[in-house]
Amino acid sequence: MANIYIALFSFLAVCRENGSRTDAYVLEIYSRQTYIKTYQANFHPVLSENFWRDVPFNLTFYPPNMKKEWGRKQGKRFQGEMNYRNPDSLPRCGRCRMPGHNRKNCNNPGPSNV
């Protein structure tokens, strides 16, 4: 809502600087005269349901059949080229940095802590 206010404020400032009329940029439907005409007539309150007429068709609406998804919802962030692995490269081991296996299946001795 704050962005709309800032945009409107900027719009009014530009119109004031240029000396143009703001009502030239606003649709007639949003004018004060249209607003007054809309609410000029008397509104009558809606009567209770006992006074409603019966209709010859069924007005029962049911919610759509939607299955609840399990788990945490995935984000909708944009995927960049850094997020995709080269299909030709093999995963590397976190211990010995050799391709083709991972740390769990590594048979090479770990680095010495000397």
N, C-alpha and C. Protein backbone atom coordinates (compact mmCIF):
# COMPACT_ATOMS: atom_id res chain seq x y z
N MET A 1 0.82 -1.19 0.00
CA MET A 1 0.00 0.00 0.00
C MET A 1 0.86 1.26 0.00
N ALA A 2 2.02 1.17 0.67
CA ALA A 2 2.90 2.33 0.73
C ALA A 2 3.45 2.66 -0.65
N ASN A 3 3.70 1.62 -1.48
CA ASN A 3 4.22 1.86 -2.82
C ASN A 3 3.21 2.61 -3.67
N ILE A 4 1.93 2.29 -3.50
CA ILE A 4 0.88 2.97 -4.26
C ILE A 4 0.83 4.44 -3.84
N TYR A 5 0.96 4.69 -2.55
CA TYR A 5 0.91 6.07 -2.06
C TYR A 5 2.08 6.86 -2.63
N ILE A 6 3.28 6.27 -2.62
CA ILE A 6 4.46 6.97 -3.15
C ILE A 6 4.29 7.22 -4.64
N ALA A 7 3.77 6.23 -5.38
CA ALA A 7 3.57 6.41 -6.81
C ALA A 7 2.55 7.51 -7.08
N LEU A 8 1.47 7.55 -6.31
CA LEU A 8 0.46 8.58 -6.47
C LEU A 8 1.03 9.95 -6.14
N PHE A 9 1.81 10.03 -5.08
CA PHE A 9 2.42 11.29 -4.68
C PHE A 9 3.37 11.79 -5.77
N SER A 10 4.16 10.88 -6.33
CA SER A 10 5.08 11.26 -7.42
C SER A 10 4.31 11.71 -8.65
N PHE A 11 3.23 11.01 -8.96
CA PHE A 11 2.40 11.36 -10.11
C PHE A 11 1.84 12.77 -9.94
N LEU A 12 1.33 13.08 -8.76
CA LEU A 12 0.77 14.40 -8.52
C LEU A 12 1.85 15.49 -8.61
N ALA A 13 3.06 15.19 -8.13
CA ALA A 13 4.14 16.16 -8.18
C ALA A 13 4.54 16.44 -9.63
N VAL A 14 4.60 15.40 -10.46
CA VAL A 14 4.97 15.59 -11.87
C VAL A 14 3.89 16.39 -12.59
N CYS A 15 2.64 16.10 -12.32
CA CYS A 15 1.55 16.86 -12.95
C CYS A 15 1.60 18.33 -12.53
N ARG A 16 1.93 18.58 -11.27
CA ARG A 16 2.01 19.96 -10.79
C ARG A 16 3.16 20.69 -11.48
N GLU A 17 4.30 20.01 -11.67
CA GLU A 17 5.44 20.64 -12.33
C GLU A 17 5.16 20.96 -13.79
N ASN A 18 4.49 20.03 -14.48
CA ASN A 18 4.21 20.22 -15.90
C ASN A 18 3.02 21.14 -16.14
N GLY A 19 2.25 21.40 -15.11
CA GLY A 19 1.07 22.24 -15.25
C GLY A 19 -0.10 21.52 -15.91
N SER A 20 -0.04 20.17 -15.93
CA SER A 20 -1.15 19.42 -16.53
C SER A 20 -2.18 19.06 -15.47
N ARG A 21 -3.39 18.83 -15.93
CA ARG A 21 -4.49 18.49 -15.02
C ARG A 21 -4.46 17.00 -14.71
N THR A 22 -4.66 16.65 -13.45
CA THR A 22 -4.60 15.24 -13.06
C THR A 22 -5.84 14.49 -13.51
N ASP A 23 -6.97 15.16 -13.65
CA ASP A 23 -8.18 14.45 -14.05
C ASP A 23 -8.12 13.97 -15.50
N ALA A 24 -7.17 14.44 -16.27
CA ALA A 24 -7.02 13.96 -17.65
C ALA A 24 -6.45 12.54 -17.66
N TYR A 25 -5.79 12.12 -16.57
CA TYR A 25 -5.17 10.80 -16.50
C TYR A 25 -5.99 9.80 -15.71
N VAL A 26 -7.10 10.24 -15.11
CA VAL A 26 -7.92 9.37 -14.27
C VAL A 26 -9.21 9.07 -15.01
N LEU A 27 -9.64 7.80 -14.99
CA LEU A 27 -10.89 7.43 -15.64
C LEU A 27 -12.07 8.12 -14.97
N GLU A 28 -13.11 8.35 -15.75
CA GLU A 28 -14.31 9.04 -15.23
C GLU A 28 -14.99 8.23 -14.13
N ILE A 29 -14.87 6.93 -14.20
CA ILE A 29 -15.50 6.05 -13.21
C ILE A 29 -14.96 6.32 -11.80
N TYR A 30 -13.72 6.86 -11.69
CA TYR A 30 -13.14 7.16 -10.40
C TYR A 30 -13.34 8.61 -9.97
N SER A 31 -14.15 9.34 -10.69
CA SER A 31 -14.34 10.75 -10.36
C SER A 31 -15.30 10.91 -9.17
N ARG A 32 -15.27 12.07 -8.57
CA ARG A 32 -16.12 12.36 -7.42
C ARG A 32 -17.59 12.37 -7.82
N GLN A 33 -17.88 12.90 -9.03
CA GLN A 33 -19.27 12.97 -9.48
C GLN A 33 -19.86 11.57 -9.66
N THR A 34 -19.08 10.64 -10.21
CA THR A 34 -19.57 9.27 -10.38
C THR A 34 -19.79 8.61 -9.03
N TYR A 35 -18.93 8.87 -8.07
CA TYR A 35 -19.07 8.32 -6.73
C TYR A 35 -20.36 8.82 -6.09
N ILE A 36 -20.64 10.10 -6.22
CA ILE A 36 -21.85 10.68 -5.63
C ILE A 36 -23.09 10.11 -6.30
N LYS A 37 -23.08 9.97 -7.63
CA LYS A 37 -24.23 9.40 -8.35
C LYS A 37 -24.49 7.95 -7.92
N THR A 38 -23.42 7.21 -7.67
CA THR A 38 -23.56 5.80 -7.31
C THR A 38 -24.30 5.65 -5.98
N TYR A 39 -23.95 6.46 -5.01
CA TYR A 39 -24.53 6.32 -3.67
C TYR A 39 -25.65 7.32 -3.40
N GLN A 40 -26.18 7.96 -4.44
CA GLN A 40 -27.25 8.93 -4.27
C GLN A 40 -28.58 8.24 -3.98
N ALA A 41 -28.81 7.10 -4.59
CA ALA A 41 -30.08 6.38 -4.41
C ALA A 41 -30.14 5.76 -3.01
N ASN A 42 -31.35 5.50 -2.57
CA ASN A 42 -31.53 4.86 -1.27
C ASN A 42 -31.28 3.37 -1.39
N PHE A 43 -30.61 2.82 -0.42
CA PHE A 43 -30.38 1.39 -0.37
C PHE A 43 -31.31 0.79 0.68
N HIS A 44 -31.96 -0.30 0.29
CA HIS A 44 -32.86 -0.98 1.21
C HIS A 44 -32.15 -2.19 1.78
N PRO A 45 -32.32 -2.46 3.06
CA PRO A 45 -31.63 -3.61 3.65
C PRO A 45 -32.18 -4.91 3.09
N VAL A 46 -31.32 -5.93 3.06
CA VAL A 46 -31.73 -7.25 2.58
C VAL A 46 -32.57 -7.89 3.68
N LEU A 47 -33.71 -8.43 3.29
CA LEU A 47 -34.59 -9.07 4.26
C LEU A 47 -34.01 -10.42 4.68
N SER A 48 -34.54 -10.99 5.72
CA SER A 48 -34.03 -12.28 6.19
C SER A 48 -34.37 -13.38 5.18
N GLU A 49 -33.77 -14.52 5.34
CA GLU A 49 -33.94 -15.62 4.40
C GLU A 49 -35.39 -16.10 4.34
N ASN A 50 -36.18 -15.81 5.35
CA ASN A 50 -37.59 -16.24 5.35
C ASN A 50 -38.38 -15.57 4.22
N PHE A 51 -37.94 -14.40 3.78
CA PHE A 51 -38.65 -13.67 2.73
C PHE A 51 -38.10 -13.95 1.33
N TRP A 52 -37.08 -14.75 1.20
CA TRP A 52 -36.49 -15.04 -0.10
C TRP A 52 -37.39 -15.97 -0.90
N ARG A 53 -37.40 -15.82 -2.21
CA ARG A 53 -38.17 -16.71 -3.08
C ARG A 53 -37.38 -18.00 -3.30
N ASP A 54 -38.10 -19.09 -3.49
CA ASP A 54 -37.46 -20.37 -3.81
C ASP A 54 -37.09 -20.38 -5.29
N VAL A 55 -35.94 -20.95 -5.59
CA VAL A 55 -35.49 -21.05 -6.97
C VAL A 55 -35.63 -22.50 -7.44
N PRO A 56 -35.85 -22.70 -8.73
CA PRO A 56 -36.09 -24.07 -9.22
C PRO A 56 -34.82 -24.88 -9.45
N PHE A 57 -33.68 -24.44 -8.97
CA PHE A 57 -32.45 -25.20 -9.18
C PHE A 57 -31.66 -25.23 -7.87
N ASN A 58 -30.68 -26.12 -7.82
CA ASN A 58 -29.90 -26.32 -6.61
C ASN A 58 -28.73 -25.33 -6.57
N LEU A 59 -28.54 -24.64 -5.47
CA LEU A 59 -27.46 -23.67 -5.32
C LEU A 59 -26.38 -24.15 -4.36
N THR A 60 -26.22 -25.46 -4.23
CA THR A 60 -25.23 -25.99 -3.32
C THR A 60 -23.88 -26.06 -4.03
N PHE A 61 -22.88 -25.45 -3.44
CA PHE A 61 -21.54 -25.47 -4.01
C PHE A 61 -20.63 -26.24 -3.07
N TYR A 62 -19.82 -27.09 -3.66
CA TYR A 62 -18.87 -27.88 -2.88
C TYR A 62 -17.45 -27.44 -3.22
N PRO A 63 -16.54 -27.53 -2.26
CA PRO A 63 -15.15 -27.15 -2.56
C PRO A 63 -14.54 -28.15 -3.54
N PRO A 64 -13.56 -27.73 -4.30
CA PRO A 64 -12.94 -28.65 -5.25
C PRO A 64 -12.19 -29.76 -4.52
N ASN A 65 -12.10 -30.90 -5.17
CA ASN A 65 -11.37 -32.03 -4.58
C ASN A 65 -9.88 -31.77 -4.73
N MET A 66 -9.27 -31.37 -3.65
CA MET A 66 -7.84 -31.08 -3.68
C MET A 66 -7.17 -31.90 -2.59
N LYS A 67 -6.09 -32.56 -2.97
CA LYS A 67 -5.35 -33.36 -2.02
C LYS A 67 -4.27 -32.50 -1.38
N LYS A 68 -4.15 -32.59 -0.07
CA LYS A 68 -3.15 -31.81 0.63
C LYS A 68 -1.78 -32.38 0.33
N GLU A 69 -0.87 -31.50 -0.05
CA GLU A 69 0.48 -31.95 -0.35
C GLU A 69 1.27 -32.11 0.94
N TRP A 70 2.07 -33.17 0.98
CA TRP A 70 2.85 -33.46 2.17
C TRP A 70 4.19 -32.76 2.10
N GLY A 71 4.75 -32.50 3.25
CA GLY A 71 6.09 -31.95 3.33
C GLY A 71 6.11 -30.44 3.24
N ARG A 72 7.32 -29.93 3.28
CA ARG A 72 7.52 -28.50 3.23
C ARG A 72 7.35 -28.00 1.80
N LYS A 73 6.70 -26.88 1.64
CA LYS A 73 6.49 -26.33 0.31
C LYS A 73 7.82 -25.86 -0.27
N GLN A 74 8.00 -26.12 -1.54
CA GLN A 74 9.23 -25.71 -2.22
C GLN A 74 9.14 -24.23 -2.55
N GLY A 75 10.25 -23.55 -2.46
CA GLY A 75 10.29 -22.13 -2.79
C GLY A 75 10.19 -21.93 -4.29
N LYS A 76 9.91 -20.72 -4.69
CA LYS A 76 9.77 -20.41 -6.11
C LYS A 76 10.90 -19.48 -6.56
N ARG A 77 12.11 -19.78 -6.12
CA ARG A 77 13.21 -18.91 -6.51
C ARG A 77 13.67 -19.26 -7.91
N PHE A 78 14.31 -18.30 -8.54
CA PHE A 78 14.79 -18.48 -9.89
C PHE A 78 16.05 -19.34 -9.86
N GLN A 79 16.12 -20.30 -10.76
CA GLN A 79 17.28 -21.18 -10.85
C GLN A 79 18.30 -20.56 -11.80
N GLY A 80 19.53 -20.43 -11.35
CA GLY A 80 20.59 -19.92 -12.19
C GLY A 80 21.42 -21.05 -12.75
N GLU A 81 22.38 -20.71 -13.59
CA GLU A 81 23.20 -21.74 -14.21
C GLU A 81 24.14 -22.39 -13.20
N MET A 82 24.37 -21.74 -12.07
CA MET A 82 25.25 -22.32 -11.05
C MET A 82 24.56 -23.48 -10.31
N ASN A 83 23.24 -23.59 -10.42
CA ASN A 83 22.51 -24.62 -9.68
C ASN A 83 22.49 -25.96 -10.39
N TYR A 84 22.95 -26.03 -11.62
CA TYR A 84 22.90 -27.27 -12.38
C TYR A 84 24.29 -27.87 -12.51
N ARG A 85 24.38 -29.17 -12.26
CA ARG A 85 25.65 -29.87 -12.33
C ARG A 85 25.91 -30.30 -13.78
N ASN A 86 27.17 -30.28 -14.17
CA ASN A 86 27.55 -30.75 -15.48
C ASN A 86 27.30 -32.26 -15.52
N PRO A 87 26.53 -32.75 -16.49
CA PRO A 87 26.22 -34.19 -16.49
C PRO A 87 27.44 -35.07 -16.74
N ASP A 88 28.53 -34.52 -17.30
CA ASP A 88 29.72 -35.32 -17.57
C ASP A 88 30.60 -35.48 -16.34
N SER A 89 30.45 -34.61 -15.34
CA SER A 89 31.31 -34.69 -14.16
C SER A 89 30.73 -35.65 -13.14
N LEU A 90 31.61 -36.40 -12.50
CA LEU A 90 31.19 -37.34 -11.47
C LEU A 90 31.28 -36.66 -10.11
N PRO A 91 30.47 -37.10 -9.15
CA PRO A 91 30.59 -36.52 -7.81
C PRO A 91 31.95 -36.86 -7.20
N ARG A 92 32.49 -35.95 -6.40
CA ARG A 92 33.80 -36.14 -5.79
C ARG A 92 33.65 -36.48 -4.30
N CYS A 93 34.63 -37.18 -3.82
CA CYS A 93 34.66 -37.56 -2.41
C CYS A 93 35.02 -36.34 -1.57
N GLY A 94 34.39 -36.18 -0.43
CA GLY A 94 34.68 -35.06 0.45
C GLY A 94 35.96 -35.24 1.23
N ARG A 95 36.48 -36.47 1.33
CA ARG A 95 37.70 -36.73 2.08
C ARG A 95 38.95 -36.66 1.19
N CYS A 96 38.95 -37.43 0.07
CA CYS A 96 40.16 -37.48 -0.76
C CYS A 96 40.03 -36.69 -2.06
N ARG A 97 38.88 -36.16 -2.35
CA ARG A 97 38.62 -35.34 -3.54
C ARG A 97 38.75 -36.11 -4.86
N MET A 98 38.72 -37.43 -4.81
CA MET A 98 38.79 -38.23 -6.03
C MET A 98 37.37 -38.44 -6.56
N PRO A 99 37.20 -38.42 -7.89
CA PRO A 99 35.85 -38.59 -8.44
C PRO A 99 35.41 -40.05 -8.41
N GLY A 100 34.10 -40.26 -8.45
CA GLY A 100 33.54 -41.60 -8.59
C GLY A 100 33.00 -42.21 -7.31
N HIS A 101 33.28 -41.66 -6.15
CA HIS A 101 32.73 -42.20 -4.91
C HIS A 101 32.51 -41.05 -3.93
N ASN A 102 31.91 -41.37 -2.79
CA ASN A 102 31.67 -40.34 -1.79
C ASN A 102 32.41 -40.68 -0.50
N ARG A 103 32.28 -39.83 0.49
CA ARG A 103 33.01 -39.99 1.75
C ARG A 103 32.64 -41.31 2.45
N LYS A 104 31.39 -41.73 2.33
CA LYS A 104 30.93 -42.93 3.01
C LYS A 104 31.59 -44.18 2.44
N ASN A 105 31.83 -44.18 1.13
CA ASN A 105 32.40 -45.36 0.48
C ASN A 105 33.90 -45.21 0.20
N CYS A 106 34.55 -44.24 0.80
CA CYS A 106 35.96 -43.96 0.51
C CYS A 106 36.85 -44.98 1.21
N ASN A 107 37.80 -45.57 0.43
CA ASN A 107 38.77 -46.54 0.98
C ASN A 107 40.14 -45.90 1.17
N ASN A 108 40.32 -44.70 0.69
CA ASN A 108 41.61 -44.02 0.81
C ASN A 108 41.79 -43.53 2.24
N PRO A 109 43.03 -43.52 2.75
CA PRO A 109 43.21 -43.04 4.11
C PRO A 109 42.98 -41.53 4.18
N GLY A 110 42.43 -41.09 5.26
CA GLY A 110 42.16 -39.68 5.46
C GLY A 110 43.43 -38.89 5.66
N PRO A 111 43.34 -37.58 5.67
CA PRO A 111 44.54 -36.76 5.88
C PRO A 111 45.07 -36.95 7.31
N SER A 112 46.36 -36.90 7.41
CA SER A 112 46.96 -37.09 8.72
C SER A 112 46.88 -35.79 9.52
N ASN A 113 46.59 -35.90 10.79
CA ASN A 113 46.47 -34.73 11.67
C ASN A 113 47.76 -34.52 12.43
N VAL A 114 48.88 -34.41 11.74
CA VAL A 114 50.18 -34.25 12.40
C VAL A 114 50.52 -32.80 12.55
